[in-house]
All heavy atoms as atom14 arrays in JSON, in Angstrom:
{
  "sequence": "NTEINNFNIETGTSAADGIGNTTTAQQVPIDLNGTN",
  "atom14_mask": [
    [1, 1, 1, 1, 1, 1, 1, 1, 0, 0, 0, 0, 0, 0],
    [1, 1, 1, 1, 1, 1, 1, 0, 0, 0, 0, 0, 0, 0],
    [1, 1, 1, 1, 1, 1, 1, 1, 1, 0, 0, 0, 0, 0],
    [1, 1, 1, 1, 1, 1, 1, 1, 0, 0, 0, 0, 0, 0],
    [1, 1, 1, 1, 1, 1, 1, 1, 0, 0, 0, 0, 0, 0],
    [1, 1, 1, 1, 1, 1, 1, 1, 0, 0, 0, 0, 0, 0],
    [1, 1, 1, 1, 1, 1, 1, 1, 1, 1, 1, 0, 0, 0],
    [1, 1, 1, 1, 1, 1, 1, 1, 0, 0, 0, 0, 0, 0],
    [1, 1, 1, 1, 1, 1, 1, 1, 0, 0, 0, 0, 0, 0],
    [1, 1, 1, 1, 1, 1, 1, 1, 1, 0, 0, 0, 0, 0],
    [1, 1, 1, 1, 1, 1, 1, 0, 0, 0, 0, 0, 0, 0],
    [1, 1, 1, 1, 0, 0, 0, 0, 0, 0, 0, 0, 0, 0],
    [1, 1, 1, 1, 1, 1, 1, 0, 0, 0, 0, 0, 0, 0],
    [1, 1, 1, 1, 1, 1, 0, 0, 0, 0, 0, 0, 0, 0],
    [1, 1, 1, 1, 1, 0, 0, 0, 0, 0, 0, 0, 0, 0],
    [1, 1, 1, 1, 1, 0, 0, 0, 0, 0, 0, 0, 0, 0],
    [1, 1, 1, 1, 1, 1, 1, 1, 0, 0, 0, 0, 0, 0],
    [1, 1, 1, 1, 0, 0, 0, 0, 0, 0, 0, 0, 0, 0],
    [1, 1, 1, 1, 1, 1, 1, 1, 0, 0, 0, 0, 0, 0],
    [1, 1, 1, 1, 0, 0, 0, 0, 0, 0, 0, 0, 0, 0],
    [1, 1, 1, 1, 1, 1, 1, 1, 0, 0, 0, 0, 0, 0],
    [1, 1, 1, 1, 1, 1, 1, 0, 0, 0, 0, 0, 0, 0],
    [1, 1, 1, 1, 1, 1, 1, 0, 0, 0, 0, 0, 0, 0],
    [1, 1, 1, 1, 1, 1, 1, 0, 0, 0, 0, 0, 0, 0],
    [1, 1, 1, 1, 1, 0, 0, 0, 0, 0, 0, 0, 0, 0],
    [1, 1, 1, 1, 1, 1, 1, 1, 1, 0, 0, 0, 0, 0],
    [1, 1, 1, 1, 1, 1, 1, 1, 1, 0, 0, 0, 0, 0],
    [1, 1, 1, 1, 1, 1, 1, 0, 0, 0, 0, 0, 0, 0],
    [1, 1, 1, 1, 1, 1, 1, 0, 0, 0, 0, 0, 0, 0],
    [1, 1, 1, 1, 1, 1, 1, 1, 0, 0, 0, 0, 0, 0],
    [1, 1, 1, 1, 1, 1, 1, 1, 0, 0, 0, 0, 0, 0],
    [1, 1, 1, 1, 1, 1, 1, 1, 0, 0, 0, 0, 0, 0],
    [1, 1, 1, 1, 1, 1, 1, 1, 0, 0, 0, 0, 0, 0],
    [1, 1, 1, 1, 0, 0, 0, 0, 0, 0, 0, 0, 0, 0],
    [1, 1, 1, 1, 1, 1, 1, 0, 0, 0, 0, 0, 0, 0],
    [1, 1, 1, 1, 1, 1, 1, 1, 0, 0, 0, 0, 0, 0]
  ],
  "atom14_positions": [
    [[19.11, -16.6, 6.08], [19.61, -17.88, 5.84], [20.22, -18.36, 7.2], [21.37, -18.03, 7.48], [20.67, -17.81, 4.77], [21.09, -19.19, 4.3], [21.05, -20.13, 5.02], [21.69, -19.32, 3.15], [0.0, 0.0, 0.0], [0.0, 0.0, 0.0], [0.0, 0.0, 0.0], [0.0, 0.0, 0.0], [0.0, 0.0, 0.0], [0.0, 0.0, 0.0]],
    [[19.46, -19.12, 7.8], [19.96, -19.61, 9.18], [21.11, -20.48, 9.03], [21.93, -20.66, 10.04], [18.82, -20.36, 10.0], [18.34, -21.46, 9.14], [17.61, -19.36, 10.12], [0.0, 0.0, 0.0], [0.0, 0.0, 0.0], [0.0, 0.0, 0.0], [0.0, 0.0, 0.0], [0.0, 0.0, 0.0], [0.0, 0.0, 0.0], [0.0, 0.0, 0.0]],
    [[21.24, -21.31, 7.96], [22.33, -22.25, 7.81], [23.75, -21.57, 7.82], [24.75, -22.23, 8.11], [22.19, -22.96, 6.47], [20.93, -23.87, 6.46], [20.87, -24.85, 5.23], [21.8, -24.71, 4.39], [19.93, -25.59, 5.13], [0.0, 0.0, 0.0], [0.0, 0.0, 0.0], [0.0, 0.0, 0.0], [0.0, 0.0, 0.0], [0.0, 0.0, 0.0]],
    [[23.83, -20.24, 7.39], [25.07, -19.51, 7.45], [25.09, -18.35, 8.47], [25.75, -17.42, 8.39], [25.51, -19.06, 6.02], [24.35, -18.12, 5.49], [25.68, -20.23, 5.1], [24.72, -17.45, 4.19], [0.0, 0.0, 0.0], [0.0, 0.0, 0.0], [0.0, 0.0, 0.0], [0.0, 0.0, 0.0], [0.0, 0.0, 0.0], [0.0, 0.0, 0.0]],
    [[24.14, -18.49, 9.42], [24.04, -17.56, 10.54], [23.66, -16.13, 10.08], [24.27, -15.15, 10.56], [25.39, -17.5, 11.34], [25.59, -18.83, 12.1], [24.69, -19.37, 12.64], [26.81, -19.32, 11.99], [0.0, 0.0, 0.0], [0.0, 0.0, 0.0], [0.0, 0.0, 0.0], [0.0, 0.0, 0.0], [0.0, 0.0, 0.0], [0.0, 0.0, 0.0]],
    [[22.95, -16.09, 9.02], [22.45, -14.89, 8.46], [21.03, -14.52, 8.97], [20.04, -15.16, 8.55], [22.45, -14.83, 6.97], [22.08, -13.49, 6.26], [21.43, -12.73, 6.97], [22.42, -13.37, 4.99], [0.0, 0.0, 0.0], [0.0, 0.0, 0.0], [0.0, 0.0, 0.0], [0.0, 0.0, 0.0], [0.0, 0.0, 0.0], [0.0, 0.0, 0.0]],
    [[20.93, -13.65, 9.99], [19.61, -13.45, 10.6], [19.02, -12.04, 10.25], [18.25, -11.49, 11.11], [19.69, -13.57, 12.16], [19.94, -15.15, 12.52], [21.14, -15.59, 12.68], [18.78, -15.93, 12.58], [21.37, -17.04, 12.83], [18.85, -17.21, 12.83], [20.21, -17.73, 12.94], [0.0, 0.0, 0.0], [0.0, 0.0, 0.0], [0.0, 0.0, 0.0]],
    [[19.34, -11.57, 9.04], [18.64, -10.39, 8.61], [17.18, -10.74, 8.39], [16.92, -11.94, 8.1], [19.22, -10.04, 7.21], [20.67, -9.23, 7.42], [20.55, -8.03, 7.74], [21.8, -9.88, 7.23], [0.0, 0.0, 0.0], [0.0, 0.0, 0.0], [0.0, 0.0, 0.0], [0.0, 0.0, 0.0], [0.0, 0.0, 0.0], [0.0, 0.0, 0.0]],
    [[16.31, -9.85, 8.36], [14.84, -10.21, 8.22], [14.32, -9.32, 7.02], [15.04, -8.28, 6.55], [14.08, -9.77, 9.49], [14.38, -8.27, 9.82], [14.51, -10.62, 10.67], [13.4, -7.77, 10.97], [0.0, 0.0, 0.0], [0.0, 0.0, 0.0], [0.0, 0.0, 0.0], [0.0, 0.0, 0.0], [0.0, 0.0, 0.0], [0.0, 0.0, 0.0]],
    [[13.41, -9.81, 6.43], [12.85, -9.21, 5.19], [11.67, -8.21, 5.31], [10.77, -8.49, 6.05], [12.42, -10.41, 4.25], [12.0, -9.92, 2.9], [11.72, -11.07, 1.88], [11.19, -12.19, 2.38], [12.06, -11.0, 0.7], [0.0, 0.0, 0.0], [0.0, 0.0, 0.0], [0.0, 0.0, 0.0], [0.0, 0.0, 0.0], [0.0, 0.0, 0.0]],
    [[11.85, -7.17, 4.73], [10.83, -6.04, 4.73], [9.59, -6.62, 4.13], [9.51, -7.24, 3.08], [11.27, -4.86, 3.9], [12.57, -4.41, 4.47], [10.25, -3.73, 3.87], [0.0, 0.0, 0.0], [0.0, 0.0, 0.0], [0.0, 0.0, 0.0], [0.0, 0.0, 0.0], [0.0, 0.0, 0.0], [0.0, 0.0, 0.0], [0.0, 0.0, 0.0]],
    [[8.48, -6.28, 4.86], [7.15, -6.66, 4.35], [6.71, -8.08, 4.72], [5.48, -8.37, 4.87], [0.0, 0.0, 0.0], [0.0, 0.0, 0.0], [0.0, 0.0, 0.0], [0.0, 0.0, 0.0], [0.0, 0.0, 0.0], [0.0, 0.0, 0.0], [0.0, 0.0, 0.0], [0.0, 0.0, 0.0], [0.0, 0.0, 0.0], [0.0, 0.0, 0.0]],
    [[7.54, -9.13, 4.86], [7.23, -10.4, 5.06], [7.49, -10.92, 6.52], [6.85, -11.72, 7.05], [7.75, -11.44, 4.08], [9.21, -11.39, 4.22], [7.26, -11.08, 2.68], [0.0, 0.0, 0.0], [0.0, 0.0, 0.0], [0.0, 0.0, 0.0], [0.0, 0.0, 0.0], [0.0, 0.0, 0.0], [0.0, 0.0, 0.0], [0.0, 0.0, 0.0]],
    [[8.52, -10.25, 7.16], [8.96, -10.61, 8.51], [7.92, -10.18, 9.43], [7.54, -8.96, 9.49], [10.26, -10.03, 8.71], [10.66, -10.4, 10.17], [0.0, 0.0, 0.0], [0.0, 0.0, 0.0], [0.0, 0.0, 0.0], [0.0, 0.0, 0.0], [0.0, 0.0, 0.0], [0.0, 0.0, 0.0], [0.0, 0.0, 0.0], [0.0, 0.0, 0.0]],
    [[7.53, -11.05, 10.47], [6.64, -10.56, 11.51], [7.36, -9.64, 12.52], [6.71, -9.02, 13.27], [6.24, -11.9, 12.4], [0.0, 0.0, 0.0], [0.0, 0.0, 0.0], [0.0, 0.0, 0.0], [0.0, 0.0, 0.0], [0.0, 0.0, 0.0], [0.0, 0.0, 0.0], [0.0, 0.0, 0.0], [0.0, 0.0, 0.0], [0.0, 0.0, 0.0]],
    [[8.69, -9.49, 12.34], [9.43, -8.62, 13.21], [9.33, -7.14, 12.66], [9.83, -6.19, 13.36], [10.88, -9.09, 13.54], [0.0, 0.0, 0.0], [0.0, 0.0, 0.0], [0.0, 0.0, 0.0], [0.0, 0.0, 0.0], [0.0, 0.0, 0.0], [0.0, 0.0, 0.0], [0.0, 0.0, 0.0], [0.0, 0.0, 0.0], [0.0, 0.0, 0.0]],
    [[8.98, -7.08, 11.37], [8.95, -5.74, 10.67], [8.1, -4.71, 11.35], [6.81, -4.94, 11.32], [8.67, -5.96, 9.18], [8.89, -4.67, 8.36], [9.57, -3.7, 8.89], [8.49, -4.71, 7.23], [0.0, 0.0, 0.0], [0.0, 0.0, 0.0], [0.0, 0.0, 0.0], [0.0, 0.0, 0.0], [0.0, 0.0, 0.0], [0.0, 0.0, 0.0]],
    [[8.6, -3.72, 11.95], [7.74, -2.59, 12.35], [7.07, -2.78, 13.75], [6.28, -1.83, 14.09], [0.0, 0.0, 0.0], [0.0, 0.0, 0.0], [0.0, 0.0, 0.0], [0.0, 0.0, 0.0], [0.0, 0.0, 0.0], [0.0, 0.0, 0.0], [0.0, 0.0, 0.0], [0.0, 0.0, 0.0], [0.0, 0.0, 0.0], [0.0, 0.0, 0.0]],
    [[7.43, -3.87, 14.43], [6.78, -4.06, 15.74], [7.57, -3.52, 16.93], [7.03, -3.71, 18.05], [6.52, -5.62, 15.96], [7.8, -6.24, 16.36], [5.88, -6.19, 14.78], [7.54, -7.7, 16.89], [0.0, 0.0, 0.0], [0.0, 0.0, 0.0], [0.0, 0.0, 0.0], [0.0, 0.0, 0.0], [0.0, 0.0, 0.0], [0.0, 0.0, 0.0]],
    [[8.62, -2.79, 16.63], [9.46, -2.52, 17.85], [8.94, -1.21, 18.51], [8.18, -0.47, 18.01], [0.0, 0.0, 0.0], [0.0, 0.0, 0.0], [0.0, 0.0, 0.0], [0.0, 0.0, 0.0], [0.0, 0.0, 0.0], [0.0, 0.0, 0.0], [0.0, 0.0, 0.0], [0.0, 0.0, 0.0], [0.0, 0.0, 0.0], [0.0, 0.0, 0.0]],
    [[9.43, -1.15, 19.73], [9.15, 0.1, 20.63], [10.09, 1.2, 20.15], [11.33, 1.09, 20.09], [9.31, -0.33, 22.11], [9.21, 0.85, 23.06], [10.21, 1.58, 23.29], [7.96, 1.1, 23.47], [0.0, 0.0, 0.0], [0.0, 0.0, 0.0], [0.0, 0.0, 0.0], [0.0, 0.0, 0.0], [0.0, 0.0, 0.0], [0.0, 0.0, 0.0]],
    [[9.53, 2.38, 20.02], [10.41, 3.45, 19.55], [11.43, 3.96, 20.59], [12.56, 4.35, 20.21], [9.51, 4.62, 19.14], [8.76, 5.07, 20.23], [8.62, 4.25, 17.96], [0.0, 0.0, 0.0], [0.0, 0.0, 0.0], [0.0, 0.0, 0.0], [0.0, 0.0, 0.0], [0.0, 0.0, 0.0], [0.0, 0.0, 0.0], [0.0, 0.0, 0.0]],
    [[11.1, 3.9, 21.9], [12.05, 4.4, 22.82], [13.3, 3.58, 22.92], [14.42, 4.02, 22.96], [11.29, 4.38, 24.23], [10.22, 5.3, 24.25], [12.29, 4.8, 25.44], [0.0, 0.0, 0.0], [0.0, 0.0, 0.0], [0.0, 0.0, 0.0], [0.0, 0.0, 0.0], [0.0, 0.0, 0.0], [0.0, 0.0, 0.0], [0.0, 0.0, 0.0]],
    [[12.98, 2.18, 22.73], [14.17, 1.31, 22.7], [14.99, 1.56, 21.56], [16.2, 1.47, 21.55], [13.65, -0.16, 22.79], [12.81, -0.47, 23.91], [14.85, -1.19, 22.78], [0.0, 0.0, 0.0], [0.0, 0.0, 0.0], [0.0, 0.0, 0.0], [0.0, 0.0, 0.0], [0.0, 0.0, 0.0], [0.0, 0.0, 0.0], [0.0, 0.0, 0.0]],
    [[14.31, 1.74, 20.39], [15.07, 2.02, 19.2], [15.95, 3.27, 19.26], [17.03, 3.28, 18.63], [14.11, 2.05, 17.97], [0.0, 0.0, 0.0], [0.0, 0.0, 0.0], [0.0, 0.0, 0.0], [0.0, 0.0, 0.0], [0.0, 0.0, 0.0], [0.0, 0.0, 0.0], [0.0, 0.0, 0.0], [0.0, 0.0, 0.0], [0.0, 0.0, 0.0]],
    [[15.45, 4.21, 19.89], [16.18, 5.46, 20.2], [17.47, 5.22, 20.88], [18.45, 5.8, 20.78], [15.25, 6.55, 20.62], [14.28, 7.15, 19.67], [13.19, 7.9, 20.39], [13.15, 8.02, 21.6], [12.19, 8.3, 19.49], [0.0, 0.0, 0.0], [0.0, 0.0, 0.0], [0.0, 0.0, 0.0], [0.0, 0.0, 0.0], [0.0, 0.0, 0.0]],
    [[17.27, 4.21, 21.89], [18.52, 4.03, 22.62], [19.54, 3.23, 21.85], [20.71, 3.33, 22.22], [18.09, 3.15, 23.83], [17.19, 3.85, 24.9], [16.63, 2.91, 25.94], [16.95, 1.72, 25.98], [15.79, 3.45, 26.8], [0.0, 0.0, 0.0], [0.0, 0.0, 0.0], [0.0, 0.0, 0.0], [0.0, 0.0, 0.0], [0.0, 0.0, 0.0]],
    [[19.09, 2.51, 20.84], [20.0, 1.65, 20.06], [19.76, 2.06, 18.55], [19.1, 1.28, 17.83], [19.81, 0.12, 20.32], [20.97, -0.7, 19.5], [19.69, -0.28, 21.7], [0.0, 0.0, 0.0], [0.0, 0.0, 0.0], [0.0, 0.0, 0.0], [0.0, 0.0, 0.0], [0.0, 0.0, 0.0], [0.0, 0.0, 0.0], [0.0, 0.0, 0.0]],
    [[20.11, 3.21, 18.12], [19.67, 3.77, 16.83], [20.32, 3.17, 15.6], [19.83, 3.34, 14.44], [20.08, 5.28, 16.99], [21.12, 5.34, 17.89], [20.93, 4.14, 18.89], [0.0, 0.0, 0.0], [0.0, 0.0, 0.0], [0.0, 0.0, 0.0], [0.0, 0.0, 0.0], [0.0, 0.0, 0.0], [0.0, 0.0, 0.0], [0.0, 0.0, 0.0]],
    [[21.3, 2.37, 15.77], [22.03, 1.75, 14.7], [22.04, 0.25, 14.81], [22.24, -0.3, 15.87], [23.54, 2.3, 14.53], [23.62, 3.74, 14.3], [24.23, 1.59, 13.39], [24.92, 4.41, 14.33], [0.0, 0.0, 0.0], [0.0, 0.0, 0.0], [0.0, 0.0, 0.0], [0.0, 0.0, 0.0], [0.0, 0.0, 0.0], [0.0, 0.0, 0.0]],
    [[21.7, -0.47, 13.8], [21.63, -1.91, 13.79], [22.94, -2.64, 13.69], [23.95, -1.98, 13.55], [20.56, -2.51, 12.95], [21.05, -2.58, 11.44], [22.17, -2.2, 11.09], [20.23, -3.28, 10.71], [0.0, 0.0, 0.0], [0.0, 0.0, 0.0], [0.0, 0.0, 0.0], [0.0, 0.0, 0.0], [0.0, 0.0, 0.0], [0.0, 0.0, 0.0]],
    [[22.98, -3.98, 13.74], [24.24, -4.71, 13.7], [24.9, -4.64, 12.36], [26.11, -4.73, 12.25], [23.94, -6.19, 13.84], [25.1, -7.01, 14.17], [26.04, -6.66, 15.27], [24.6, -8.44, 14.48], [0.0, 0.0, 0.0], [0.0, 0.0, 0.0], [0.0, 0.0, 0.0], [0.0, 0.0, 0.0], [0.0, 0.0, 0.0], [0.0, 0.0, 0.0]],
    [[24.07, -4.18, 11.27], [24.74, -4.0, 9.95], [25.39, -2.49, 9.86], [26.04, -2.22, 8.86], [23.7, -4.23, 8.88], [23.45, -5.61, 8.63], [24.3, -6.5, 8.8], [22.18, -5.93, 8.19], [0.0, 0.0, 0.0], [0.0, 0.0, 0.0], [0.0, 0.0, 0.0], [0.0, 0.0, 0.0], [0.0, 0.0, 0.0], [0.0, 0.0, 0.0]],
    [[25.1, -1.74, 10.85], [25.58, -0.34, 10.72], [24.55, 0.51, 10.12], [24.7, 1.73, 9.68], [0.0, 0.0, 0.0], [0.0, 0.0, 0.0], [0.0, 0.0, 0.0], [0.0, 0.0, 0.0], [0.0, 0.0, 0.0], [0.0, 0.0, 0.0], [0.0, 0.0, 0.0], [0.0, 0.0, 0.0], [0.0, 0.0, 0.0], [0.0, 0.0, 0.0]],
    [[23.25, 0.02, 10.02], [22.1, 0.8, 9.34], [21.44, 1.54, 10.39], [21.12, 1.0, 11.43], [21.21, -0.22, 8.58], [21.95, -0.96, 7.67], [20.04, 0.49, 7.96], [0.0, 0.0, 0.0], [0.0, 0.0, 0.0], [0.0, 0.0, 0.0], [0.0, 0.0, 0.0], [0.0, 0.0, 0.0], [0.0, 0.0, 0.0], [0.0, 0.0, 0.0]],
    [[21.07, 2.82, 10.08], [20.14, 3.49, 10.93], [18.86, 2.87, 11.04], [18.27, 2.49, 10.02], [19.98, 4.92, 10.35], [21.32, 5.82, 10.55], [22.07, 5.53, 11.44], [21.53, 6.58, 9.57], [0.0, 0.0, 0.0], [0.0, 0.0, 0.0], [0.0, 0.0, 0.0], [0.0, 0.0, 0.0], [0.0, 0.0, 0.0], [0.0, 0.0, 0.0]]
  ]
}
């Protein structure tokens, strides 16, 4: 919900889902929600 600054992304439908580099993810292992 961009209108309330909610930039969570949806599993399965978001183009961002699963495209990340693993080395970068290991450097930042916890997301902004505190989720691994």
